[in-house]
N, C-alpha and C. Protein backbone atom coordinates (compact mmCIF):
# COMPACT_ATOMS: atom_id res chain seq x y z
N UNK A 1 65.08 148.02 128.44
CA UNK A 1 65.76 147.26 129.45
C UNK A 1 64.76 146.67 130.45
N UNK A 2 63.73 147.43 130.77
CA UNK A 2 62.71 146.88 131.65
C UNK A 2 61.97 145.72 131.00
N UNK A 3 61.82 145.80 129.69
CA UNK A 3 61.18 144.70 128.96
C UNK A 3 62.00 143.42 129.07
N UNK A 4 63.31 143.53 128.94
CA UNK A 4 64.19 142.36 129.09
C UNK A 4 64.11 141.82 130.51
N UNK A 5 64.03 142.70 131.48
CA UNK A 5 63.92 142.26 132.87
C UNK A 5 62.61 141.50 133.10
N UNK A 6 61.53 141.99 132.52
CA UNK A 6 60.26 141.30 132.67
C UNK A 6 60.28 139.94 131.99
N UNK A 7 60.94 139.84 130.85
CA UNK A 7 61.06 138.55 130.16
C UNK A 7 61.85 137.57 131.03
N UNK A 8 62.97 138.02 131.61
CA UNK A 8 63.79 137.14 132.44
C UNK A 8 63.04 136.72 133.69
N UNK A 9 62.29 137.63 134.30
CA UNK A 9 61.52 137.27 135.49
C UNK A 9 60.39 136.30 135.15
N UNK A 10 59.80 136.46 133.97
CA UNK A 10 58.76 135.52 133.54
C UNK A 10 59.35 134.14 133.30
N UNK A 11 60.51 134.08 132.68
CA UNK A 11 61.18 132.79 132.46
C UNK A 11 61.51 132.14 133.80
N UNK A 12 61.98 132.93 134.76
CA UNK A 12 62.34 132.36 136.06
C UNK A 12 61.10 131.84 136.79
N UNK A 13 59.93 132.41 136.51
CA UNK A 13 58.70 131.93 137.12
C UNK A 13 58.33 130.55 136.60
N UNK A 14 58.46 130.35 135.29
CA UNK A 14 58.09 129.07 134.70
C UNK A 14 59.16 128.00 134.90
N UNK A 15 60.42 128.37 134.78
CA UNK A 15 61.50 127.40 134.90
C UNK A 15 61.87 127.18 136.36
N UNK A 16 61.84 128.22 137.15
CA UNK A 16 62.17 128.10 138.56
C UNK A 16 63.68 128.02 138.81
N UNK A 17 64.45 128.49 137.86
CA UNK A 17 65.90 128.45 137.98
C UNK A 17 66.41 129.75 138.57
N UNK A 18 67.29 129.65 139.55
CA UNK A 18 67.80 130.81 140.28
C UNK A 18 68.58 131.79 139.41
N UNK A 19 69.43 131.35 138.47
CA UNK A 19 70.17 132.34 137.66
C UNK A 19 69.28 133.28 136.86
N UNK A 20 68.15 132.79 136.34
CA UNK A 20 67.25 133.67 135.60
C UNK A 20 66.64 134.73 136.52
N UNK A 21 66.34 134.35 137.74
CA UNK A 21 65.79 135.30 138.70
C UNK A 21 66.80 136.37 139.06
N UNK A 22 68.03 135.96 139.31
CA UNK A 22 69.09 136.92 139.66
C UNK A 22 69.37 137.86 138.49
N UNK A 23 69.43 137.30 137.28
CA UNK A 23 69.67 138.13 136.11
C UNK A 23 68.54 139.12 135.88
N UNK A 24 67.30 138.67 136.01
CA UNK A 24 66.15 139.57 135.85
C UNK A 24 66.14 140.67 136.88
N UNK A 25 66.45 140.33 138.13
CA UNK A 25 66.48 141.35 139.19
C UNK A 25 67.60 142.34 138.98
N UNK A 26 68.74 141.87 138.48
CA UNK A 26 69.84 142.80 138.24
C UNK A 26 69.49 143.75 137.08
N UNK A 27 68.76 143.25 136.08
CA UNK A 27 68.27 144.12 135.02
C UNK A 27 67.32 145.17 135.57
N UNK A 28 66.45 144.79 136.49
CA UNK A 28 65.50 145.74 137.10
C UNK A 28 66.25 146.81 137.89
N UNK A 29 67.27 146.42 138.64
CA UNK A 29 68.06 147.40 139.40
C UNK A 29 68.76 148.36 138.45
N UNK A 30 69.36 147.85 137.40
CA UNK A 30 70.04 148.71 136.43
C UNK A 30 69.09 149.64 135.70
N UNK A 31 67.96 149.12 135.29
CA UNK A 31 66.98 149.96 134.58
C UNK A 31 66.40 151.03 135.49
N UNK A 32 66.13 150.68 136.74
CA UNK A 32 65.59 151.66 137.68
C UNK A 32 66.60 152.77 137.95
N UNK A 33 67.86 152.39 138.13
CA UNK A 33 68.91 153.39 138.35
C UNK A 33 69.06 154.28 137.12
N UNK A 34 68.99 153.68 135.94
CA UNK A 34 69.09 154.45 134.71
C UNK A 34 67.92 155.43 134.56
N UNK A 35 66.72 154.98 134.91
CA UNK A 35 65.55 155.86 134.83
C UNK A 35 65.68 157.02 135.79
N UNK A 36 66.14 156.76 137.01
CA UNK A 36 66.29 157.83 138.00
C UNK A 36 67.36 158.85 137.58
N UNK A 37 68.44 158.38 137.00
CA UNK A 37 69.48 159.30 136.51
C UNK A 37 68.96 160.12 135.35
N UNK A 38 68.25 159.47 134.43
CA UNK A 38 67.70 160.19 133.28
C UNK A 38 66.72 161.26 133.72
N UNK A 39 65.87 160.95 134.68
CA UNK A 39 64.90 161.94 135.17
C UNK A 39 65.58 163.06 135.93
N UNK A 40 66.71 162.79 136.57
CA UNK A 40 67.44 163.85 137.27
C UNK A 40 68.10 164.80 136.29
N UNK A 41 68.57 164.26 135.17
CA UNK A 41 69.27 165.09 134.18
C UNK A 41 68.28 165.85 133.31
N UNK A 42 67.30 165.16 132.78
CA UNK A 42 66.33 165.76 131.86
C UNK A 42 64.92 165.36 132.27
N UNK A 43 64.29 166.12 133.15
CA UNK A 43 62.94 165.77 133.62
C UNK A 43 61.91 165.81 132.48
N UNK A 44 60.96 164.89 132.56
CA UNK A 44 59.86 164.85 131.59
C UNK A 44 58.60 165.41 132.24
N UNK A 45 57.52 165.36 131.50
CA UNK A 45 56.26 165.92 132.03
C UNK A 45 55.68 165.03 133.14
N UNK A 46 56.03 163.76 133.16
CA UNK A 46 55.52 162.83 134.18
C UNK A 46 56.64 162.39 135.13
N UNK A 47 57.43 163.35 135.58
CA UNK A 47 58.60 163.04 136.38
C UNK A 47 58.22 162.33 137.68
N UNK A 48 57.20 162.79 138.34
CA UNK A 48 56.84 162.22 139.64
C UNK A 48 56.40 160.76 139.52
N UNK A 49 55.56 160.46 138.55
CA UNK A 49 55.08 159.10 138.35
C UNK A 49 56.25 158.18 137.97
N UNK A 50 57.13 158.65 137.11
CA UNK A 50 58.27 157.86 136.68
C UNK A 50 59.20 157.57 137.84
N UNK A 51 59.48 158.58 138.66
CA UNK A 51 60.37 158.38 139.80
C UNK A 51 59.76 157.41 140.82
N UNK A 52 58.48 157.53 141.07
CA UNK A 52 57.82 156.64 142.03
C UNK A 52 57.87 155.20 141.53
N UNK A 53 57.60 154.99 140.23
CA UNK A 53 57.64 153.64 139.67
C UNK A 53 59.05 153.07 139.73
N UNK A 54 60.05 153.88 139.39
CA UNK A 54 61.44 153.41 139.41
C UNK A 54 61.87 153.10 140.84
N UNK A 55 61.50 153.92 141.79
CA UNK A 55 61.86 153.66 143.20
C UNK A 55 61.16 152.41 143.72
N UNK A 56 59.91 152.22 143.33
CA UNK A 56 59.19 151.03 143.75
C UNK A 56 59.84 149.75 143.21
N UNK A 57 60.19 149.77 141.94
CA UNK A 57 60.87 148.62 141.34
C UNK A 57 62.22 148.37 142.00
N UNK A 58 62.94 149.45 142.31
CA UNK A 58 64.25 149.32 142.95
C UNK A 58 64.13 148.73 144.34
N UNK A 59 63.16 149.19 145.10
CA UNK A 59 62.98 148.69 146.47
C UNK A 59 62.56 147.22 146.46
N UNK A 60 61.64 146.86 145.57
CA UNK A 60 61.18 145.48 145.52
C UNK A 60 62.31 144.55 145.08
N UNK A 61 63.10 144.95 144.10
CA UNK A 61 64.17 144.07 143.64
C UNK A 61 65.27 143.93 144.68
N UNK A 62 65.59 145.00 145.40
CA UNK A 62 66.59 144.90 146.47
C UNK A 62 66.05 144.02 147.61
N UNK A 63 64.77 144.11 147.90
CA UNK A 63 64.16 143.26 148.93
C UNK A 63 64.26 141.79 148.54
N UNK A 64 63.99 141.48 147.28
CA UNK A 64 64.09 140.09 146.83
C UNK A 64 65.53 139.62 146.84
N UNK A 65 66.47 140.50 146.46
CA UNK A 65 67.89 140.14 146.53
C UNK A 65 68.29 139.77 147.94
N UNK A 66 67.82 140.53 148.93
CA UNK A 66 68.17 140.20 150.32
C UNK A 66 67.55 138.88 150.74
N UNK A 67 66.40 138.53 150.20
CA UNK A 67 65.81 137.23 150.47
C UNK A 67 66.57 136.09 149.83
N UNK A 68 67.27 136.38 148.74
CA UNK A 68 68.05 135.35 148.08
C UNK A 68 69.39 135.07 148.76
N UNK A 69 69.77 135.91 149.68
CA UNK A 69 71.04 135.71 150.38
C UNK A 69 71.06 134.42 151.18
N UNK A 70 69.92 133.91 151.58
CA UNK A 70 69.89 132.65 152.32
C UNK A 70 70.35 131.47 151.47
N UNK A 71 70.26 131.60 150.14
CA UNK A 71 70.73 130.54 149.25
C UNK A 71 72.24 130.59 149.07
N UNK A 72 72.83 131.76 149.32
CA UNK A 72 74.27 131.91 149.14
C UNK A 72 75.02 131.46 150.38
N UNK A 73 74.53 131.81 151.54
CA UNK A 73 75.25 131.49 152.79
C UNK A 73 74.64 130.36 153.53
């Protein structure tokens, strides 16, 4: 799922179209939430690194979403 998000964000970089950016960011939010739930249920050997990466992706994508609100209102 993170791979699909990276593909969508790459497409939005080259095309510059807002729907691709929103779709890619929503994939990142979903994948990050899924990773955090998976690590809470069944921790792996690299739990700390995985949680930090998922939280970082989640924070960055939510920050960009809030920046996109100026296009909506």
